[in-house]
Amino acid sequence: MAILSIQSRVISGYVGNAAATPVLQRLGHTVWPIDTVTFSNHPAHGSFRGSSNPAREVDELVQGLHERGLFPACDGLLSGYLGTAEAGAAILNAAALVRDASPASLWCCDPVMGDNGTFYVNDDIPEFFRDRAVPTADIVVPNIFEAGYLAGQAVETHADAERAAAELLGKGPKTVIITGIKKDKSIGALLATANGMWLCMAPVVDIPASGAGDVFAALYIGHYLKSYDEIEALAQAVTGVHTVLRATAEVQTIDLQLVAALPALDNLTTFPVEKIR
């Protein structure tokens, strides 16, 4: 199976394509990574170098793959952080080309905009995700802050998350997964489809988690495209992120210890999934 992954790139650390590519490859997928930005490291370090890649470059690389006749073998498109809203338009074009060549393919959109009440992208990017990406994508994977913006309502409780997920399902995607759901000393994700809602929770690992959302999205789409079982993919994604965070906590670094944790992802005993609606 092949997955086109269009998102950020850091040279040092594991976020964006630097996180998604090794995860998807570990799951046995061929990955075609196209980078929307190239940064020296994650901005959470306090400083970084690099810049956004031109949208025309994203378009050119997508067209190159298309001209090679590769897209009939493409099972999924995974998108994440954008440097510019223009790059979002390039992703829409990529989705159209992939779907035309491979009608069963799925677009999993991680609408990376912000967290903890704060946006950290250009002002026009949230509007792109809300108005153009969410109605077009098959799977949308926002965190609780992003889900609140996209649904037009604050998400603070489990009931809020359920309402936001239902609102987002009504906008077009077949699957909505809200990450960062918290309860007591647990954190996890809410999965919503036309058939119901499910919750999977894991113990909190109290460390900086830059890149955890990128790992989650890659684990979910990677497992789903192997089994087409949403519940199993949710359990694998929540448990896999927990496993990576535990490995990171052992060495107390700001960057995920992703490569060290990859072998542990092979045979996980997953956390339970509860049907809540």
Protein backbone atom coordinates (compact mmCIF):
# COMPACT_ATOMS: atom_id res chain seq x y z
CA MET A 1 0.00 0.00 0.00
CA ALA A 2 1.18 3.53 -0.77
CA ILE A 3 0.40 6.76 1.07
CA LEU A 4 1.06 10.30 -0.15
CA SER A 5 2.01 12.39 2.90
CA ILE A 6 2.00 16.19 2.53
CA GLN A 7 3.05 18.03 5.68
CA SER A 8 5.97 19.70 7.45
CA ARG A 9 9.58 18.55 7.69
CA VAL A 10 12.12 19.12 10.45
CA ILE A 11 15.76 18.16 10.08
CA SER A 12 16.20 17.45 13.79
CA GLY A 13 13.40 15.77 15.73
CA TYR A 14 10.19 13.99 14.80
CA VAL A 15 7.20 16.03 13.68
CA GLY A 16 5.33 16.15 10.37
CA ASN A 17 6.82 13.93 7.70
CA ALA A 18 9.83 13.19 9.90
CA ALA A 19 7.37 11.45 12.26
CA ALA A 20 4.81 10.05 9.80
CA THR A 21 7.26 8.47 7.36
CA PRO A 22 9.02 6.06 9.78
CA VAL A 23 5.70 5.14 11.42
CA LEU A 24 4.01 4.33 8.10
CA GLN A 25 7.05 2.45 6.84
CA ARG A 26 7.13 0.40 10.04
CA LEU A 27 3.53 -0.57 9.29
CA GLY A 28 4.59 -1.77 5.85
CA HIS A 29 3.40 1.13 3.70
CA THR A 30 5.23 2.80 0.85
CA VAL A 31 5.37 6.54 1.65
CA TRP A 32 5.69 9.45 -0.77
CA PRO A 33 6.51 12.46 1.48
CA ILE A 34 6.13 16.00 0.18
CA ASP A 35 7.14 18.78 2.57
CA THR A 36 5.14 21.99 3.04
CA VAL A 37 7.90 23.59 5.13
CA THR A 38 11.49 22.72 5.98
CA PHE A 39 12.62 23.74 9.45
CA SER A 40 15.85 22.96 11.27
CA ASN A 41 13.88 21.80 14.33
CA HIS A 42 10.49 22.15 15.98
CA PRO A 43 9.72 25.74 17.08
CA ALA A 44 9.03 24.41 20.61
CA HIS A 45 12.80 24.53 21.10
CA GLY A 46 12.50 28.32 21.18
CA SER A 47 14.22 29.11 17.88
CA PHE A 48 14.56 27.53 14.47
CA ARG A 49 15.72 28.20 10.92
CA GLY A 50 14.03 27.41 7.65
CA SER A 51 11.03 28.50 5.62
CA SER A 52 7.80 27.46 3.95
CA ASN A 53 8.16 25.67 0.66
CA PRO A 54 6.36 27.33 -2.27
CA ALA A 55 2.93 25.94 -3.07
CA ARG A 56 4.00 25.59 -6.70
CA GLU A 57 6.75 23.21 -5.55
CA VAL A 58 4.17 21.03 -3.81
CA ASP A 59 2.08 21.11 -6.99
CA GLU A 60 5.09 20.24 -9.16
CA LEU A 61 6.03 17.25 -7.02
CA VAL A 62 2.45 15.99 -7.00
CA GLN A 63 2.28 16.38 -10.78
CA GLY A 64 5.54 14.48 -11.12
CA LEU A 65 4.11 11.50 -9.24
CA HIS A 66 0.93 11.74 -11.29
CA GLU A 67 2.87 11.74 -14.56
CA ARG A 68 4.75 8.64 -13.43
CA GLY A 69 1.39 6.89 -13.22
CA LEU A 70 1.78 6.15 -9.50
CA PHE A 71 -1.57 7.30 -8.16
CA PRO A 72 -3.62 4.21 -9.11
CA ALA A 73 -1.55 2.46 -6.41
CA CYS A 74 -2.20 5.20 -3.84
CA ASP A 75 -4.44 4.07 -0.99
CA GLY A 76 -4.38 7.24 1.05
CA LEU A 77 -3.44 10.90 1.32
CA LEU A 78 -2.27 12.15 4.72
CA SER A 79 -2.00 15.91 5.18
CA GLY A 80 -0.89 18.02 8.12
CA TYR A 81 0.89 21.30 8.82
CA LEU A 82 0.78 23.96 6.11
CA GLY A 83 3.18 26.85 5.78
CA THR A 84 0.67 28.81 3.68
CA ALA A 85 -2.96 28.54 2.68
CA GLU A 86 -1.78 28.29 -0.93
CA ALA A 87 -0.19 24.95 -0.02
CA GLY A 88 -3.66 23.89 1.09
CA ALA A 89 -4.95 24.49 -2.42
CA ALA A 90 -2.15 22.25 -3.68
CA ILE A 91 -3.32 19.51 -1.31
CA LEU A 92 -6.87 19.82 -2.65
CA ASN A 93 -5.46 19.34 -6.13
CA ALA A 94 -3.50 16.30 -4.95
CA ALA A 95 -6.64 14.81 -3.39
CA ALA A 96 -8.53 15.24 -6.65
CA LEU A 97 -5.79 13.56 -8.68
CA VAL A 98 -5.44 10.66 -6.24
CA ARG A 99 -9.19 10.09 -6.06
CA ASP A 100 -9.53 10.20 -9.83
CA ALA A 101 -6.85 7.52 -10.22
CA SER A 102 -7.78 5.50 -7.12
CA PRO A 103 -11.46 6.03 -6.22
CA ALA A 104 -11.24 3.93 -3.05
CA SER A 105 -8.41 6.03 -1.63
CA LEU A 106 -8.95 8.08 1.54
CA TRP A 107 -7.83 11.55 2.54
CA CYS A 108 -6.92 11.82 6.21
CA CYS A 109 -6.60 15.51 7.11
CA ASP A 110 -4.89 16.57 10.33
CA PRO A 111 -5.95 20.27 10.48
CA VAL A 112 -2.87 21.54 12.29
CA MET A 113 -3.67 25.06 13.50
CA GLY A 114 -2.94 25.38 17.20
CA ASP A 115 -3.35 23.98 20.69
CA ASN A 116 -4.11 25.04 24.25
CA GLY A 117 -6.24 27.96 23.11
CA THR A 118 -3.69 29.47 20.72
CA PHE A 119 -3.31 29.47 16.94
CA TYR A 120 0.26 29.16 15.63
CA VAL A 121 -0.36 29.37 11.87
CA ASN A 122 -1.08 32.18 9.41
CA ASP A 123 -4.52 33.75 9.80
CA ASP A 124 -5.90 32.34 6.54
CA ILE A 125 -4.99 28.71 7.29
CA PRO A 126 -7.75 28.02 9.88
CA GLU A 127 -10.31 29.29 7.37
CA PHE A 128 -8.89 26.97 4.71
CA PHE A 129 -9.27 23.95 6.99
CA ARG A 130 -12.78 24.94 8.10
CA ASP A 131 -14.22 25.94 4.75
CA ARG A 132 -12.37 23.80 2.21
CA ALA A 133 -10.53 20.86 3.77
CA VAL A 134 -13.05 19.54 6.31
CA PRO A 135 -15.92 19.32 3.78
CA THR A 136 -13.67 17.46 1.31
CA ALA A 137 -11.62 15.09 3.49
CA ASP A 138 -12.73 11.55 4.39
CA ILE A 139 -11.12 11.53 7.84
CA VAL A 140 -10.47 14.61 10.00
CA VAL A 141 -8.21 14.43 13.07
CA PRO A 142 -8.29 17.71 15.06
CA ASN A 143 -7.22 18.18 18.67
CA ILE A 144 -9.80 19.62 21.07
CA PHE A 145 -8.84 23.24 20.37
CA GLU A 146 -8.94 22.72 16.60
CA ALA A 147 -12.23 20.81 16.85
CA GLY A 148 -13.77 23.70 18.75
CA TYR A 149 -12.79 26.19 16.06
CA LEU A 150 -13.91 23.94 13.20
CA ALA A 151 -17.26 23.18 14.84
CA GLY A 152 -17.84 26.74 16.05
CA GLN A 153 -18.13 25.75 19.70
CA ALA A 154 -15.73 25.41 22.61
CA VAL A 155 -14.70 21.87 23.55
CA GLU A 156 -14.07 21.56 27.27
CA THR A 157 -16.01 18.45 28.33
CA HIS A 158 -16.72 15.01 26.90
CA ALA A 159 -20.23 16.19 26.03
CA ASP A 160 -18.74 19.18 24.18
CA ALA A 161 -16.49 16.83 22.22
CA GLU A 162 -19.43 14.64 21.24
CA ARG A 163 -21.40 17.67 20.02
CA ALA A 164 -18.41 19.01 18.09
CA ALA A 165 -17.78 15.63 16.49
CA ALA A 166 -21.42 15.39 15.41
CA GLU A 167 -21.25 18.92 13.99
CA LEU A 168 -18.11 18.11 12.00
CA LEU A 169 -19.59 14.87 10.66
CA GLY A 170 -22.42 16.97 9.26
CA LYS A 171 -19.92 19.04 7.27
CA GLY A 172 -18.78 16.15 5.07
CA PRO A 173 -16.11 13.79 6.45
CA LYS A 174 -17.01 10.16 7.06
CA THR A 175 -14.87 9.93 10.20
CA VAL A 176 -13.97 12.51 12.84
CA ILE A 177 -11.39 11.81 15.54
CA ILE A 178 -10.86 14.41 18.27
CA THR A 179 -7.57 13.96 20.11
CA GLY A 180 -6.48 15.29 23.48
CA ILE A 181 -9.66 14.25 25.31
CA LYS A 182 -8.86 14.32 29.05
CA LYS A 183 -10.45 12.69 32.08
CA ASP A 184 -8.80 12.53 35.48
CA LYS A 185 -5.30 11.15 34.80
CA SER A 186 -6.12 9.79 31.35
CA ILE A 187 -5.94 11.22 27.83
CA GLY A 188 -7.16 9.80 24.56
CA ALA A 189 -9.33 10.28 21.51
CA LEU A 190 -12.98 10.28 20.49
CA LEU A 191 -13.92 8.56 17.22
CA ALA A 192 -17.19 9.47 15.52
CA THR A 193 -18.80 7.98 12.42
CA ALA A 194 -22.37 7.63 11.17
CA ASN A 195 -22.54 4.39 13.18
CA GLY A 196 -21.73 5.86 16.59
CA MET A 197 -19.00 7.25 18.82
CA TRP A 198 -16.18 5.52 20.67
CA LEU A 199 -13.58 6.60 23.23
CA CYS A 200 -10.12 5.19 23.86
CA MET A 201 -8.10 6.48 26.82
CA ALA A 202 -4.54 5.93 28.07
CA PRO A 203 -2.66 7.12 31.18
CA VAL A 204 -1.23 10.62 30.87
CA VAL A 205 2.52 10.82 30.26
CA ASP A 206 3.36 14.28 31.58
CA ILE A 207 5.98 15.51 29.10
CA PRO A 208 6.07 17.92 26.14
CA ALA A 209 4.46 16.09 23.25
CA SER A 210 5.43 17.99 20.08
CA GLY A 211 4.76 15.62 17.19
CA ALA A 212 2.40 13.32 19.09
CA GLY A 213 -0.53 14.41 16.92
CA ASP A 214 1.45 13.66 13.77
CA VAL A 215 2.30 10.20 15.10
CA PHE A 216 -1.37 9.63 15.99
CA ALA A 217 -2.62 10.54 12.51
CA ALA A 218 -0.01 8.32 10.85
CA LEU A 219 -0.79 5.39 13.14
CA TYR A 220 -4.53 5.74 12.57
CA ILE A 221 -4.47 5.93 8.77
CA GLY A 222 -1.67 3.35 8.61
CA HIS A 223 -3.61 0.80 10.64
CA TYR A 224 -6.97 1.64 9.10
CA LEU A 225 -5.70 1.05 5.56
CA LYS A 226 -4.50 -2.40 6.63
CA SER A 227 -7.67 -3.56 8.39
CA TYR A 228 -10.44 -1.06 7.50
CA ASP A 229 -11.44 -1.44 11.15
CA GLU A 230 -11.96 2.00 12.72
CA ILE A 231 -12.08 0.70 16.28
CA GLU A 232 -8.85 -1.27 15.98
CA ALA A 233 -7.13 1.66 14.28
CA LEU A 234 -8.22 3.97 17.11
CA ALA A 235 -6.90 1.58 19.76
CA GLN A 236 -3.61 1.16 17.92
CA ALA A 237 -3.16 4.92 17.50
CA VAL A 238 -3.89 5.83 21.13
CA THR A 239 -1.74 2.99 22.47
CA GLY A 240 1.04 3.69 19.99
CA VAL A 241 1.29 7.36 20.95
CA HIS A 242 1.31 6.39 24.62
CA THR A 243 4.16 3.96 23.90
CA VAL A 244 6.20 6.65 22.12
CA LEU A 245 5.61 9.15 24.94
CA ARG A 246 6.70 6.64 27.56
CA ALA A 247 9.92 6.00 25.64
CA THR A 248 10.47 9.77 25.45
CA ALA A 249 9.83 10.26 29.17
CA GLU A 250 12.57 7.74 29.98
CA VAL A 251 15.24 10.02 28.49
CA GLN A 252 13.51 13.35 29.25
CA THR A 253 14.02 15.09 25.90
CA ILE A 254 11.77 17.59 24.12
CA ASP A 255 11.95 15.54 20.90
CA LEU A 256 10.05 12.27 20.64
CA GLN A 257 12.14 9.12 20.94
CA LEU A 258 10.32 7.76 17.92
CA VAL A 259 12.94 5.53 16.35
CA ALA A 260 13.71 3.89 19.69
CA ALA A 261 10.00 3.20 20.20
CA LEU A 262 9.23 1.82 16.73
CA PRO A 263 9.89 -1.87 17.54
CA ALA A 264 7.45 -1.66 20.45
CA LEU A 265 4.67 -0.67 18.04
CA ASP A 266 4.73 -4.06 16.33
CA ASN A 267 2.73 -6.09 18.86
CA LEU A 268 0.88 -3.72 21.15
CA THR A 269 -1.57 -4.77 23.82
CA THR A 270 -4.01 -1.98 23.14
CA PHE A 271 -6.06 0.06 25.57
CA PRO A 272 -9.81 -0.71 25.51
CA VAL A 273 -12.25 1.17 23.32
CA GLU A 274 -15.61 2.13 24.84
CA LYS A 275 -18.71 2.77 22.76
CA ILE A 276 -20.31 5.92 24.15
CA ARG A 277 -23.09 6.54 21.62
